[in-house]
């Protein structure tokens, strides 16, 4: 009898040990799979900028690539095709008759442009103009597309280089000046808290979030634009 009990105990110990090894093997396998997936994710996102997480262009925006290139070529700015498509994506997603939202800069009021090609022509003309006035500072040009040309002079009087702090201060200043005569809508909760509801203080980041995808789909990889994604 004692020998039989001993045999049973040994058999049970063996079963538990084997079961434990199986459990450890399963856990080890799960950790291995997790490590592989994490490695693939990090490789895929290597070099990306957390300030500008990549977003995708819509098919509507991509369809306007030839027209954008056509009008940028008139200014010898074809390498900015990706930037302008990213801008268009932020403005309208490529929808509507004024995909560049160029009506206000063209005729002083919203909705006056009812032809997408005219919108792209006027929008690229305006972008080319603010880029030249900004001495090639793309971020300053982008924010000025949103705020208007007055922002360029404001920045130049304060060192000449774009910063989000300057964008916030300009927005606060203009909002205080114009809120009694114009109807403003704070498009971001942060803007409301800062009392900076003139334009979009995060416009540059919002546009550049689409730039990586735009660059890939347009073949734009100009060295002068490298700093946009750093």
Protein backbone atom coordinates (compact mmCIF):
# COMPACT_ATOMS: atom_id res chain seq x y z
CA UNK A 1 0.00 0.00 0.00
CA UNK A 2 2.65 2.64 0.84
CA UNK A 3 4.41 1.93 -2.45
CA UNK A 4 1.17 2.41 -4.41
CA UNK A 5 0.54 5.76 -2.67
CA UNK A 6 4.08 6.84 -3.43
CA UNK A 7 3.60 5.93 -7.08
CA UNK A 8 0.37 7.92 -7.22
CA UNK A 9 2.07 10.94 -5.67
CA UNK A 10 4.92 10.71 -8.17
CA UNK A 11 2.44 10.42 -11.03
CA UNK A 12 0.51 13.47 -9.84
CA UNK A 13 3.71 15.47 -9.43
CA UNK A 14 4.70 14.58 -12.98
CA UNK A 15 1.31 15.65 -14.32
CA UNK A 16 1.46 18.98 -12.47
CA UNK A 17 5.00 19.59 -13.66
CA UNK A 18 4.05 18.83 -17.27
CA UNK A 19 0.98 21.07 -17.00
CA UNK A 20 3.11 23.85 -15.56
CA UNK A 21 5.60 23.56 -18.40
CA UNK A 22 2.79 23.79 -20.94
CA UNK A 23 1.46 26.93 -19.23
CA UNK A 24 4.92 28.50 -19.22
CA UNK A 25 5.34 27.63 -22.89
CA UNK A 26 2.02 29.31 -23.75
CA UNK A 27 2.95 32.43 -21.76
CA UNK A 28 6.39 32.54 -23.39
CA UNK A 29 4.77 32.24 -26.81
CA UNK A 30 2.40 35.11 -26.05
CA UNK A 31 5.29 37.32 -24.93
CA UNK A 32 7.23 36.43 -28.08
CA UNK A 33 4.28 37.35 -30.31
CA UNK A 34 3.82 40.62 -28.42
CA UNK A 35 7.52 41.45 -28.82
CA UNK A 36 7.36 40.79 -32.57
CA UNK A 37 4.26 42.98 -32.99
CA UNK A 38 5.84 45.76 -30.92
CA UNK A 39 9.00 45.60 -33.02
CA UNK A 40 7.00 45.82 -36.25
CA UNK A 41 5.01 48.78 -34.92
CA UNK A 42 8.16 50.66 -33.87
CA UNK A 43 9.78 49.99 -37.23
CA UNK A 44 6.70 51.24 -39.06
CA UNK A 45 6.63 54.45 -37.01
CA UNK A 46 10.38 54.97 -36.88
CA UNK A 47 11.29 58.59 -37.50
CA UNK A 48 7.70 59.85 -37.25
CA UNK A 49 6.99 63.07 -35.41
CA UNK A 50 4.50 62.75 -32.52
CA UNK A 51 3.55 66.41 -33.00
CA UNK A 52 2.32 65.60 -36.52
CA UNK A 53 0.79 62.10 -36.42
CA UNK A 54 0.23 60.95 -39.97
CA UNK A 55 -3.26 61.15 -41.47
CA UNK A 56 -4.47 60.09 -44.89
CA UNK A 57 -5.53 62.26 -47.81
CA UNK A 58 -9.01 61.66 -49.16
CA UNK A 59 -9.55 60.39 -52.69
CA UNK A 60 -11.20 63.73 -53.52
CA UNK A 61 -8.01 65.61 -52.61
CA UNK A 62 -5.76 63.18 -54.49
CA UNK A 63 -7.89 63.66 -57.61
CA UNK A 64 -6.96 67.37 -57.60
CA UNK A 65 -3.21 66.67 -57.73
CA UNK A 66 -2.87 67.49 -61.49
CA UNK A 67 -4.61 70.86 -61.07
CA UNK A 68 -2.54 71.74 -58.01
CA UNK A 69 0.65 70.89 -59.89
CA UNK A 70 -0.54 72.88 -62.91
CA UNK A 71 -0.96 76.10 -60.94
CA UNK A 72 2.07 75.62 -58.69
CA UNK A 73 4.17 75.16 -61.83
CA UNK A 74 3.25 78.70 -62.87
CA UNK A 75 5.11 79.85 -59.75
CA UNK A 76 7.90 77.26 -60.13
CA UNK A 77 6.76 75.67 -56.86
CA UNK A 78 5.88 72.13 -57.98
CA UNK A 79 7.83 70.67 -55.04
CA UNK A 80 5.16 72.13 -52.74
CA UNK A 81 2.42 69.96 -54.26
CA UNK A 82 2.33 67.75 -51.16
CA UNK A 83 2.09 70.77 -48.86
CA UNK A 84 -0.80 72.28 -50.82
CA UNK A 85 -2.69 68.98 -50.99
CA UNK A 86 -2.27 68.64 -47.21
CA UNK A 87 -3.55 72.20 -46.86
CA UNK A 88 -6.56 71.38 -49.04
CA UNK A 89 -7.28 68.30 -46.95
CA UNK A 90 -7.39 70.43 -43.82
CA UNK A 91 -9.52 73.11 -45.49
CA UNK A 92 -12.21 70.94 -47.05
CA UNK A 93 -11.19 67.33 -47.47
CA UNK A 94 -11.49 68.05 -51.20
CA UNK A 95 -15.25 68.45 -50.99
CA UNK A 96 -17.43 71.25 -52.34
CA UNK A 97 -16.94 73.83 -55.06
CA UNK A 98 -14.23 75.72 -53.16
CA UNK A 99 -11.81 73.00 -52.00
CA UNK A 100 -9.08 75.52 -51.15
CA UNK A 101 -11.55 77.75 -49.26
CA UNK A 102 -10.15 80.65 -51.26
CA UNK A 103 -13.33 82.73 -51.51
CA UNK A 104 -12.53 85.18 -48.70
CA UNK A 105 -9.06 85.99 -50.02
CA UNK A 106 -10.43 86.26 -53.58
CA UNK A 107 -13.61 88.30 -53.17
CA UNK A 108 -13.80 89.15 -49.46
CA UNK A 109 -16.68 86.87 -48.56
CA UNK A 110 -17.36 83.18 -48.10
CA UNK A 111 -18.89 81.06 -50.83
CA UNK A 112 -18.26 83.29 -53.84
CA UNK A 113 -16.20 80.64 -55.64
CA UNK A 114 -18.32 77.94 -57.24
CA UNK A 115 -15.72 76.33 -59.49
CA UNK A 116 -13.11 73.95 -57.98
CA UNK A 117 -10.47 74.86 -60.57
CA UNK A 118 -10.88 78.57 -59.83
CA UNK A 119 -10.57 77.74 -56.14
CA UNK A 120 -7.32 75.86 -56.73
CA UNK A 121 -5.96 78.62 -58.97
CA UNK A 122 -6.68 81.35 -56.43
CA UNK A 123 -5.64 79.20 -53.48
CA UNK A 124 -2.27 78.29 -54.97
CA UNK A 125 -1.72 81.92 -55.99
CA UNK A 126 -2.36 82.99 -52.42
CA UNK A 127 -0.09 80.28 -51.02
CA UNK A 128 2.69 81.30 -53.42
CA UNK A 129 2.28 84.91 -52.31
CA UNK A 130 2.46 84.26 -48.58
CA UNK A 131 5.36 81.83 -49.06
CA UNK A 132 7.33 84.56 -50.84
CA UNK A 133 6.45 87.17 -48.20
CA UNK A 134 7.45 84.68 -45.49
CA UNK A 135 10.87 84.28 -47.14
CA UNK A 136 10.27 80.58 -47.70
CA UNK A 137 9.22 79.80 -44.11
CA UNK A 138 6.61 77.15 -44.90
CA UNK A 139 5.11 77.08 -41.41
CA UNK A 140 4.71 80.85 -41.40
CA UNK A 141 3.16 80.67 -44.87
CA UNK A 142 0.70 77.97 -43.77
CA UNK A 143 -0.41 79.88 -40.69
CA UNK A 144 -0.74 83.02 -42.81
CA UNK A 145 -2.98 81.13 -45.23
CA UNK A 146 -5.27 80.70 -42.25
CA UNK A 147 -4.77 84.03 -40.46
CA UNK A 148 -4.14 86.28 -43.45
CA UNK A 149 -1.05 88.19 -44.59
CA UNK A 150 -1.06 90.42 -41.53
CA UNK A 151 0.44 87.59 -39.50
CA UNK A 152 3.66 87.72 -41.54
CA UNK A 153 4.36 91.33 -40.56
CA UNK A 154 3.47 90.52 -36.96
CA UNK A 155 6.03 87.70 -36.89
CA UNK A 156 8.73 89.70 -38.67
CA UNK A 157 8.40 92.42 -36.05
CA UNK A 158 9.06 89.76 -33.39
CA UNK A 159 12.10 87.95 -34.68
CA UNK A 160 10.86 86.74 -38.05
CA UNK A 161 10.42 83.05 -37.27
CA UNK A 162 7.10 81.25 -36.89
CA UNK A 163 6.18 79.79 -33.50
CA UNK A 164 2.92 78.54 -32.07
CA UNK A 165 3.22 81.07 -29.24
CA UNK A 166 3.20 83.88 -31.78
CA UNK A 167 0.18 82.30 -33.46
CA UNK A 168 -1.67 82.18 -30.13
CA UNK A 169 -0.78 85.78 -29.26
CA UNK A 170 -1.81 87.04 -32.70
CA UNK A 171 -5.10 85.16 -32.51
CA UNK A 172 -5.83 86.61 -29.06
CA UNK A 173 -4.99 90.09 -30.28
CA UNK A 174 -7.18 89.87 -33.39
CA UNK A 175 -10.03 88.19 -31.52
CA UNK A 176 -10.08 90.97 -28.95
CA UNK A 177 -9.99 93.57 -31.72
CA UNK A 178 -12.69 92.06 -33.96
CA UNK A 179 -15.03 89.99 -31.79
CA UNK A 180 -17.47 92.88 -31.32
CA UNK A 181 -17.88 93.34 -35.08
CA UNK A 182 -17.52 89.78 -36.40
CA UNK A 183 -19.01 86.41 -35.55
CA UNK A 184 -16.29 84.02 -34.33
CA UNK A 185 -16.53 80.34 -33.54
CA UNK A 186 -13.83 78.80 -31.38
CA UNK A 187 -13.01 75.64 -33.32
CA UNK A 188 -10.85 74.21 -30.52
CA UNK A 189 -11.51 73.95 -26.82
CA UNK A 190 -7.95 75.12 -26.22
CA UNK A 191 -8.64 78.28 -28.23
CA UNK A 192 -11.67 79.02 -26.09
CA UNK A 193 -9.66 78.66 -22.89
CA UNK A 194 -6.94 80.96 -24.23
CA UNK A 195 -9.43 83.46 -25.68
CA UNK A 196 -7.69 82.89 -29.01
CA UNK A 197 -10.61 82.27 -31.37
CA UNK A 198 -9.35 84.15 -34.43
CA UNK A 199 -8.49 81.50 -37.01
CA UNK A 200 -6.99 78.19 -35.97
CA UNK A 201 -3.98 78.38 -33.66
CA UNK A 202 -3.16 74.73 -34.43
CA UNK A 203 -3.45 75.11 -38.19
CA UNK A 204 0.18 74.29 -38.96
CA UNK A 205 0.11 71.03 -37.00
CA UNK A 206 -3.26 70.15 -38.52
CA UNK A 207 -1.95 70.56 -42.08
CA UNK A 208 1.36 68.80 -41.45
CA UNK A 209 -0.47 65.79 -40.03
CA UNK A 210 -1.39 65.05 -43.66
CA UNK A 211 1.99 65.92 -45.16
CA UNK A 212 3.71 62.52 -44.90
CA UNK A 213 0.88 60.84 -46.80
CA UNK A 214 0.77 63.71 -49.29
CA UNK A 215 4.53 63.52 -49.82
CA UNK A 216 4.33 59.78 -50.48
CA UNK A 217 1.48 60.10 -52.95
CA UNK A 218 3.03 63.01 -54.86
CA UNK A 219 6.67 61.95 -54.82
CA UNK A 220 7.53 65.22 -53.08
CA UNK A 221 10.82 64.91 -51.22
CA UNK A 222 12.55 68.26 -51.57
CA UNK A 223 15.40 68.98 -49.14
CA UNK A 224 13.94 72.42 -48.43
CA UNK A 225 10.85 70.73 -46.97
CA UNK A 226 12.70 68.18 -44.82
CA UNK A 227 12.31 70.31 -41.68
CA UNK A 228 8.52 70.06 -41.89
CA UNK A 229 8.53 66.53 -40.49
CA UNK A 230 11.38 66.89 -37.99
